[in-house]
C-alpha cells in the first residue's frame, strides 16, 4: 500500500491579535506558520526546502469555508466552496524563535497578513480556530527517509505553498506554536499603512 504524502499541515491560531489599519475593512496581524525539520505531520522540512517554501507564501490567501448553520468553519472543502479572508503580505518573511508550550524553542517562518475582518463577521473568529498550511500537491517532490528517527518521514525536495486554510474546532496542530499574534509597535502600524497605499 502506497503511503500518503503529507501536504496539509494543521496549525493553531492564538486568540486576538487583530489590529485595525487606516482602511476600516482591513485588519493586520502576524502569523507563525511552520518550522524546519521533523513535525507531527510525518514529514521533514530541510533548511534548503524551508527557504524555498517560505518565499512561496507571498500573496497567498488565508481561506476558509464557513457554515452558517453550524456557526463554524469546516475543513478542506476545496476552492469552489471557500472564500479568501485575507492574504500574506509580500516580503514580510522573518524567521522568529518561539518557545512552544512543550518547552521547546523553535524557529518559525513568520509573516505579516491582512485580514478583511470587518467585511465578513466570521473572520473576527479565526484566531479561535485552527488552520492548515497547504502545499500544492501537484508541486510536491521528495522521498521517504528516517532522518535520524526510528520511523520514516517524507523529506521534501520541492513544493509551493497554496495558502493558509481556516479549519473548524477540534484539530490538533502540526506545528505546535504556529499562530497569529499581535504587534503593537508604531513601525508595524506604519508598515501596514504603506502596504495599503501601495
Protein backbone atom coordinates (compact mmCIF):
# COMPACT_ATOMS: atom_id res chain seq x y z
CA UNK A 1 0.00 0.00 0.00
CA UNK A 2 1.40 3.37 -1.02
CA UNK A 3 1.89 5.89 1.77
CA UNK A 4 0.11 9.23 1.54
CA UNK A 5 2.46 12.18 1.09
CA UNK A 6 1.54 14.95 3.57
CA UNK A 7 0.68 18.32 2.04
CA UNK A 8 -1.64 19.78 4.70
CA UNK A 9 -0.15 20.99 7.98
CA UNK A 10 -2.64 21.82 10.75
CA UNK A 11 -1.55 24.69 12.97
CA UNK A 12 -3.37 26.70 15.64
CA UNK A 13 -4.28 30.37 15.92
CA UNK A 14 -3.88 32.47 19.05
CA UNK A 15 -6.96 34.35 20.20
CA UNK A 16 -6.87 38.06 19.46
CA UNK A 17 -4.13 39.78 17.57
CA UNK A 18 -6.19 41.76 15.05
CA UNK A 19 -5.12 45.38 14.62
CA UNK A 20 -7.13 47.99 12.71
CA UNK A 21 -5.43 49.77 9.82
CA UNK A 22 -6.22 53.09 8.13
CA UNK A 23 -8.69 51.12 5.98
CA UNK A 24 -11.72 50.25 8.17
CA UNK A 25 -12.24 46.96 6.30
CA UNK A 26 -8.69 45.67 6.83
CA UNK A 27 -7.02 44.35 9.97
CA UNK A 28 -3.39 43.39 10.28
CA UNK A 29 -1.59 40.69 12.20
CA UNK A 30 1.41 38.41 12.14
CA UNK A 31 1.32 34.65 11.81
CA UNK A 32 3.79 31.91 12.70
CA UNK A 33 3.39 29.24 10.00
CA UNK A 34 5.99 26.46 10.10
CA UNK A 35 9.41 25.41 11.35
CA UNK A 36 12.17 23.22 9.92
CA UNK A 37 12.94 19.53 10.41
CA UNK A 38 10.58 16.87 11.89
CA UNK A 39 6.97 17.71 12.66
CA UNK A 40 3.82 15.91 13.77
CA UNK A 41 2.62 15.57 10.18
CA UNK A 42 5.10 12.76 9.49
CA UNK A 43 7.25 14.93 7.26
CA UNK A 44 10.64 16.62 7.38
CA UNK A 45 11.47 20.14 6.13
CA UNK A 46 15.15 20.65 5.32
CA UNK A 47 16.93 24.02 5.52
CA UNK A 48 17.09 24.22 1.74
CA UNK A 49 13.42 23.39 1.20
CA UNK A 50 12.31 25.71 4.03
CA UNK A 51 14.00 28.64 2.31
CA UNK A 52 12.24 27.94 -0.98
CA UNK A 53 8.86 27.12 0.59
CA UNK A 54 8.85 30.24 2.77
CA UNK A 55 9.19 32.55 -0.22
CA UNK A 56 6.20 30.97 -1.98
CA UNK A 57 3.82 32.20 0.75
CA UNK A 58 3.76 35.80 -0.53
CA UNK A 59 0.34 36.96 -1.80
CA UNK A 60 -1.18 33.58 -0.94
CA UNK A 61 -4.70 33.68 0.52
CA UNK A 62 -5.98 32.98 4.01
CA UNK A 63 -9.08 30.98 3.03
CA UNK A 64 -11.93 29.19 4.76
CA UNK A 65 -15.40 27.75 4.31
CA UNK A 66 -17.81 29.00 6.96
CA UNK A 67 -21.01 27.05 7.59
CA UNK A 68 -23.68 29.50 8.84
CA UNK A 69 -25.85 26.62 10.09
CA UNK A 70 -23.11 25.12 12.27
CA UNK A 71 -21.64 28.57 13.02
CA UNK A 72 -18.15 27.23 12.43
CA UNK A 73 -15.54 26.84 9.76
CA UNK A 74 -15.34 23.43 8.14
CA UNK A 75 -12.31 21.61 6.79
CA UNK A 76 -10.60 21.40 3.42
CA UNK A 77 -13.65 21.92 1.22
CA UNK A 78 -11.80 22.93 -1.93
CA UNK A 79 -11.53 26.33 -3.61
CA UNK A 80 -15.04 26.22 -5.08
CA UNK A 81 -16.51 26.19 -1.54
CA UNK A 82 -14.09 28.59 0.15
CA UNK A 83 -13.58 32.34 0.18
CA UNK A 84 -10.50 34.41 0.88
CA UNK A 85 -10.44 36.27 4.21
CA UNK A 86 -7.06 37.87 3.66
CA UNK A 87 -3.58 37.35 2.27
CA UNK A 88 0.12 37.13 3.13
CA UNK A 89 1.98 40.42 2.58
CA UNK A 90 4.87 40.09 0.09
CA UNK A 91 8.37 40.49 1.50
CA UNK A 92 7.24 40.12 5.13
CA UNK A 93 9.02 36.84 5.93
CA UNK A 94 11.06 36.73 9.14
CA UNK A 95 12.46 33.68 10.96
CA UNK A 96 11.47 34.09 14.62
CA UNK A 97 12.24 31.92 17.64
CA UNK A 98 9.20 30.93 19.70
CA UNK A 99 9.03 28.96 22.96
CA UNK A 100 6.25 26.42 22.44
CA UNK A 101 4.05 25.00 25.19
CA UNK A 102 6.05 21.77 25.22
CA UNK A 103 9.11 23.75 26.41
CA UNK A 104 10.99 23.61 23.10
CA UNK A 105 12.07 26.78 21.28
CA UNK A 106 11.51 26.51 17.53
CA UNK A 107 12.40 28.87 14.70
CA UNK A 108 9.23 29.76 12.75
CA UNK A 109 8.67 31.24 9.31
CA UNK A 110 6.61 34.30 10.31
CA UNK A 111 4.62 36.66 8.08
CA UNK A 112 2.53 39.82 8.13
CA UNK A 113 -1.03 39.30 6.91
CA UNK A 114 -4.01 41.50 6.12
CA UNK A 115 -7.49 40.19 7.01
CA UNK A 116 -10.89 41.51 5.86
CA UNK A 117 -12.26 41.05 9.38
CA UNK A 118 -14.98 43.70 9.15
CA UNK A 119 -16.40 42.74 5.77
CA UNK A 120 -17.11 39.16 6.91
CA UNK A 121 -18.12 38.98 10.56
CA UNK A 122 -16.94 35.37 10.95
CA UNK A 123 -13.40 36.46 10.05
CA UNK A 124 -13.16 38.02 13.51
CA UNK A 125 -13.30 34.50 14.99
CA UNK A 126 -10.45 32.92 13.02
CA UNK A 127 -8.00 33.43 15.86
CA UNK A 128 -10.01 31.00 17.97
CA UNK A 129 -9.72 28.34 15.27
CA UNK A 130 -7.07 26.04 13.89
CA UNK A 131 -5.60 26.50 10.48
CA UNK A 132 -3.72 24.49 7.91
CA UNK A 133 -0.75 25.47 5.79
CA UNK A 134 -1.30 23.76 2.46
CA UNK A 135 1.34 22.83 -0.08
CA UNK A 136 0.06 22.42 -3.62
CA UNK A 137 0.12 18.60 -4.04
CA UNK A 138 0.89 18.95 -7.76
CA UNK A 139 4.21 20.60 -6.88
CA UNK A 140 5.38 18.19 -4.16
CA UNK A 141 8.56 16.19 -4.69
CA UNK A 142 10.64 14.25 -2.19
CA UNK A 143 11.36 10.84 -0.71
CA UNK A 144 10.81 8.76 2.45
CA UNK A 145 13.75 8.60 4.88
CA UNK A 146 14.37 8.04 8.59
CA UNK A 147 16.37 11.29 9.05
CA UNK A 148 17.79 10.03 12.35
CA UNK A 149 14.39 8.91 13.67
CA UNK A 150 13.19 5.31 14.15
CA UNK A 151 10.36 5.92 11.65
CA UNK A 152 10.39 7.19 8.10
CA UNK A 153 9.29 10.74 7.30
CA UNK A 154 8.59 12.33 3.94
CA UNK A 155 11.54 14.62 3.12
CA UNK A 156 10.54 17.40 0.75
CA UNK A 157 12.80 18.48 -2.09
CA UNK A 158 10.24 20.71 -3.82
CA UNK A 159 6.81 22.25 -3.26
CA UNK A 160 4.88 25.52 -3.42
CA UNK A 161 2.62 26.84 -0.67
CA UNK A 162 -1.00 27.05 -1.81
CA UNK A 163 -2.25 29.13 1.11
CA UNK A 164 -3.45 29.11 4.71
CA UNK A 165 -6.82 27.47 5.38
CA UNK A 166 -9.03 28.18 8.41
CA UNK A 167 -10.41 24.99 9.99
CA UNK A 168 -13.15 24.29 12.50
CA UNK A 169 -12.70 23.25 16.13
CA UNK A 170 -11.10 20.08 17.48
CA UNK A 171 -7.98 19.97 15.31
CA UNK A 172 -4.51 19.02 16.56
CA UNK A 173 -1.84 21.43 15.32
CA UNK A 174 1.02 20.02 13.30
CA UNK A 175 3.33 22.92 14.22
CA UNK A 176 2.95 23.46 17.96
CA UNK A 177 3.36 27.25 18.16
CA UNK A 178 2.15 28.29 14.73
CA UNK A 179 -0.40 31.03 15.29
CA UNK A 180 -1.47 34.59 14.68
CA UNK A 181 -0.12 37.10 17.17
CA UNK A 182 -0.20 40.86 17.57
CA UNK A 183 2.42 43.55 17.25
CA UNK A 184 1.66 46.94 18.78
CA UNK A 185 4.70 49.00 17.85
CA UNK A 186 4.33 52.08 15.62
CA UNK A 187 6.71 50.78 12.95
CA UNK A 188 4.41 47.80 12.30
CA UNK A 189 1.38 50.11 12.01
CA UNK A 190 3.25 52.36 9.58
CA UNK A 191 4.34 49.33 7.55
CA UNK A 192 0.71 48.21 7.26
CA UNK A 193 -0.37 51.67 6.05
CA UNK A 194 2.41 51.66 3.47
CA UNK A 195 1.29 48.28 2.14
CA UNK A 196 -2.29 49.53 1.83
CA UNK A 197 -1.23 52.67 -0.03
CA UNK A 198 0.99 50.63 -2.34
